[in-house]
Amino acid sequence: MLTLGQPLPSRLIDADHSLGIFREQSWLDSWSVSCETDTNGSRNRLTMQQCLQSLKNLFLVANTTLDEADRQCRLAEYFNIQQQVVLEALEGVKLLMLSEAVALHDACRAGHDVPTFTWLLFARESSHDPRAFLCNHLNHVGTSGRFDEVELSLLAYALGIRLHILRPHHAGTEDYSSCHPEVGSEHFPSVSLVTVDDVQYDLLLK
């Protein structure tokens, strides 16, 4: 979505709002910082804020030009020079997903309408609440973990986009194409990805 010049996600516009959703100190203790160069580094609000700011900076770099070819060159240069910042930005994406998960879980408990994938996310024994989701799933993404389909929906929802996944190895079956979130994202900007193993995803350029 960076190469396509998609706008800044709404939750990222005000990083303090995203951070404010983590009301309990235990959230900081449960968050595993895969980009931390110092394994004994403190996992606190300042580190979270830094990761969200790095993600915000990545969007700002991508949106400094309207030309798609120029945008791709600038991003490639930024990725090569600012490798640590890019790793922090990936953690920022995970923090956006976590803050969205907390908000959706609170909305569920309050009896408000929520996207369908919310029920599927918290119906799993391993992610019955946001902290379990963080510890059992989100912390492992970027090291040994990958996104399940319900997590792809949360990812797209947090970024304010609709993910269209194509699986050439499932051509001719109902698994060939899927959209995330499946319902309620029809008006979101669409980003198409192709995968052959549901582990690595490549951007499908127009």
Protein backbone atom coordinates (compact mmCIF):
# COMPACT_ATOMS: atom_id res chain seq x y z
CA MET A 1 0.00 0.00 0.00
CA LEU A 2 3.00 2.28 0.41
CA THR A 3 3.94 1.99 -3.27
CA LEU A 4 0.34 2.75 -4.22
CA GLY A 5 0.36 5.98 -2.21
CA GLN A 6 -2.43 5.02 0.18
CA PRO A 7 -3.23 7.64 2.85
CA LEU A 8 -2.14 7.49 6.46
CA PRO A 9 -4.35 5.10 8.52
CA SER A 10 -6.69 7.05 10.82
CA ARG A 11 -5.31 5.47 14.01
CA LEU A 12 -1.79 6.45 12.96
CA ILE A 13 -2.65 10.13 12.53
CA ASP A 14 -2.84 10.45 16.31
CA ALA A 15 -0.32 8.00 17.76
CA ASP A 16 -1.21 9.04 21.32
CA HIS A 17 -4.78 7.83 20.72
CA SER A 18 -3.50 4.41 19.69
CA LEU A 19 -1.20 4.27 22.70
CA GLY A 20 -3.93 5.44 25.03
CA ILE A 21 -5.95 2.33 24.34
CA PHE A 22 -3.42 0.27 26.28
CA ARG A 23 -4.75 1.12 29.69
CA GLU A 24 -2.97 -1.55 31.75
CA GLN A 25 0.75 -1.78 32.43
CA SER A 26 0.57 -5.50 31.69
CA TRP A 27 0.22 -4.73 27.99
CA LEU A 28 3.72 -3.29 27.97
CA ASP A 29 5.10 -6.37 29.70
CA SER A 30 3.41 -8.71 27.21
CA TRP A 31 4.58 -6.94 24.08
CA SER A 32 7.61 -8.62 22.47
CA VAL A 33 9.73 -6.19 20.46
CA SER A 34 11.18 -8.26 17.61
CA CYS A 35 13.03 -5.21 16.24
CA GLU A 36 14.81 -4.54 19.55
CA THR A 37 18.56 -4.67 18.99
CA ASP A 38 19.11 -4.84 22.76
CA THR A 39 17.32 -7.93 24.08
CA ASN A 40 17.21 -6.31 27.50
CA GLY A 41 15.70 -3.12 26.17
CA SER A 42 12.72 -1.67 27.97
CA ARG A 43 9.36 -2.40 26.35
CA ASN A 44 7.59 0.73 27.39
CA ARG A 45 5.39 3.48 26.05
CA LEU A 46 8.38 5.33 24.59
CA THR A 47 9.40 2.30 22.52
CA MET A 48 5.82 1.88 21.28
CA GLN A 49 5.65 5.53 20.35
CA GLN A 50 8.92 5.24 18.46
CA CYS A 51 7.61 2.28 16.42
CA LEU A 52 4.38 4.09 15.57
CA GLN A 53 6.33 7.20 14.58
CA SER A 54 8.60 5.11 12.34
CA LEU A 55 5.52 3.72 10.61
CA LYS A 56 4.13 7.22 10.21
CA ASN A 57 7.44 8.39 8.71
CA LEU A 58 7.31 5.55 6.20
CA PHE A 59 3.92 6.75 4.97
CA LEU A 60 5.21 10.32 4.79
CA VAL A 61 8.15 9.21 2.63
CA ALA A 62 5.78 7.33 0.34
CA ASN A 63 3.51 10.32 -0.07
CA THR A 64 6.16 12.92 -0.90
CA THR A 65 5.51 12.33 -4.61
CA LEU A 66 2.52 11.52 -6.81
CA ASP A 67 4.64 9.64 -9.35
CA GLU A 68 4.46 5.88 -8.69
CA ALA A 69 7.89 5.06 -10.19
CA ASP A 70 9.54 7.82 -8.16
CA ARG A 71 7.72 6.60 -5.05
CA GLN A 72 9.06 3.07 -5.51
CA CYS A 73 12.62 4.39 -5.92
CA ARG A 74 12.36 6.55 -2.80
CA LEU A 75 10.98 3.67 -0.76
CA ALA A 76 13.68 1.27 -2.00
CA GLU A 77 16.36 3.79 -1.01
CA TYR A 78 14.72 4.37 2.38
CA PHE A 79 14.47 0.61 3.03
CA ASN A 80 18.18 0.16 2.24
CA ILE A 81 19.38 3.09 4.36
CA GLN A 82 16.92 3.03 7.28
CA GLN A 83 16.70 -0.71 7.95
CA GLN A 84 16.19 -0.39 11.71
CA VAL A 85 13.48 2.23 11.18
CA VAL A 86 11.70 -0.10 8.76
CA LEU A 87 11.78 -2.91 11.35
CA GLU A 88 10.31 -0.49 13.89
CA ALA A 89 7.61 0.42 11.37
CA LEU A 90 6.64 -3.26 11.07
CA GLU A 91 6.24 -3.35 14.85
CA GLY A 92 4.11 -0.22 14.47
CA VAL A 93 1.75 -2.15 12.19
CA LYS A 94 1.41 -4.84 14.85
CA LEU A 95 0.66 -2.16 17.46
CA LEU A 96 -2.08 -0.74 15.25
CA MET A 97 -3.57 -4.23 14.99
CA LEU A 98 -3.40 -4.65 18.77
CA SER A 99 -5.05 -1.30 19.48
CA GLU A 100 -7.80 -2.18 17.00
CA ALA A 101 -8.25 -5.59 18.63
CA VAL A 102 -8.66 -3.95 22.05
CA ALA A 103 -11.20 -1.46 20.68
CA LEU A 104 -13.19 -4.20 18.92
CA HIS A 105 -13.13 -6.43 22.01
CA ASP A 106 -14.43 -3.57 24.16
CA ALA A 107 -17.15 -2.87 21.58
CA CYS A 108 -18.14 -6.54 21.60
CA ARG A 109 -18.47 -6.60 25.37
CA ALA A 110 -20.55 -3.41 25.26
CA GLY A 111 -22.96 -4.97 22.78
CA HIS A 112 -22.05 -2.69 19.87
CA ASP A 113 -21.97 -3.76 16.24
CA VAL A 114 -18.56 -5.03 15.14
CA PRO A 115 -17.17 -6.50 11.91
CA THR A 116 -17.88 -10.22 11.48
CA PHE A 117 -14.23 -11.20 11.72
CA THR A 118 -14.18 -9.90 15.30
CA TRP A 119 -16.29 -12.82 16.49
CA LEU A 120 -14.03 -15.28 14.67
CA LEU A 121 -10.91 -13.69 16.13
CA PHE A 122 -12.03 -13.94 19.74
CA ALA A 123 -13.78 -17.31 19.30
CA ARG A 124 -10.39 -19.01 19.13
CA GLU A 125 -9.17 -20.44 22.42
CA SER A 126 -5.69 -19.05 21.72
CA SER A 127 -7.02 -15.49 21.25
CA HIS A 128 -10.08 -15.27 23.47
CA ASP A 129 -9.09 -11.73 24.47
CA PRO A 130 -6.60 -9.12 23.18
CA ARG A 131 -3.81 -10.11 25.55
CA ALA A 132 -4.07 -13.78 24.52
CA PHE A 133 -4.05 -12.67 20.88
CA LEU A 134 -0.91 -10.64 21.55
CA CYS A 135 0.95 -13.37 23.41
CA ASN A 136 -0.06 -16.35 21.26
CA HIS A 137 -0.18 -14.82 17.80
CA LEU A 138 0.91 -11.22 17.27
CA ASN A 139 4.21 -11.44 19.14
CA HIS A 140 5.35 -14.23 16.82
CA VAL A 141 4.67 -12.38 13.58
CA GLY A 142 7.95 -11.27 12.04
CA THR A 143 9.93 -14.12 13.59
CA SER A 144 8.26 -17.54 13.49
CA GLY A 145 4.60 -16.66 13.00
CA ARG A 146 2.33 -15.83 10.08
CA PHE A 147 -1.12 -14.31 9.66
CA ASP A 148 -4.21 -16.51 9.62
CA GLU A 149 -7.11 -15.32 7.46
CA VAL A 150 -8.91 -13.69 10.39
CA GLU A 151 -5.72 -11.79 11.22
CA LEU A 152 -5.45 -10.61 7.62
CA SER A 153 -8.90 -9.10 8.13
CA LEU A 154 -7.76 -7.34 11.31
CA LEU A 155 -4.62 -6.11 9.53
CA ALA A 156 -6.63 -4.65 6.64
CA TYR A 157 -9.20 -3.12 9.00
CA ALA A 158 -6.49 -1.46 11.09
CA LEU A 159 -4.86 -0.01 7.97
CA GLY A 160 -8.19 1.09 6.48
CA ILE A 161 -7.81 -0.98 3.32
CA ARG A 162 -9.36 -4.05 1.68
CA LEU A 163 -6.90 -6.87 1.00
CA HIS A 164 -7.56 -8.95 -2.10
CA ILE A 165 -5.54 -12.19 -1.87
CA LEU A 166 -4.89 -14.33 -4.96
CA ARG A 167 -3.60 -17.92 -4.66
CA PRO A 168 -2.56 -19.26 -8.10
CA HIS A 169 -1.94 -22.74 -6.66
CA HIS A 170 -5.67 -22.91 -5.84
CA ALA A 171 -6.83 -21.84 -9.32
CA GLY A 172 -10.28 -23.19 -10.13
CA THR A 173 -11.30 -23.54 -6.47
CA GLU A 174 -13.07 -21.24 -4.00
CA ASP A 175 -9.73 -20.69 -2.25
CA TYR A 176 -8.24 -18.98 -5.32
CA SER A 177 -9.42 -15.52 -4.27
CA SER A 178 -10.40 -13.98 -0.94
CA CYS A 179 -11.08 -10.49 0.43
CA HIS A 180 -10.29 -9.20 3.90
CA PRO A 181 -12.38 -8.02 5.63
CA GLU A 182 -14.95 -9.96 3.63
CA VAL A 183 -17.88 -7.75 4.65
CA GLY A 184 -18.01 -4.01 5.26
CA SER A 185 -14.84 -3.00 3.40
CA GLU A 186 -16.33 -2.46 -0.04
CA HIS A 187 -15.52 1.27 0.05
CA PHE A 188 -11.97 0.88 1.39
CA PRO A 189 -9.00 1.36 -0.96
CA SER A 190 -8.12 -2.07 -2.38
CA VAL A 191 -4.65 -3.65 -2.28
CA SER A 192 -4.06 -6.90 -4.18
CA LEU A 193 -1.52 -9.49 -3.02
CA VAL A 194 -0.49 -12.84 -4.49
CA THR A 195 0.81 -15.81 -2.48
CA VAL A 196 1.76 -19.40 -3.16
CA ASP A 197 2.13 -20.54 0.44
CA ASP A 198 0.08 -18.13 2.64
CA VAL A 199 3.36 -17.15 4.30
CA GLN A 200 4.98 -14.72 1.87
CA TYR A 201 2.82 -12.19 0.04
CA ASP A 202 3.82 -10.13 -2.99
CA LEU A 203 2.14 -6.92 -4.12
CA LEU A 204 0.25 -7.24 -7.39
CA LEU A 205 0.89 -4.03 -9.31
CA LYS A 206 -1.63 -2.74 -11.82
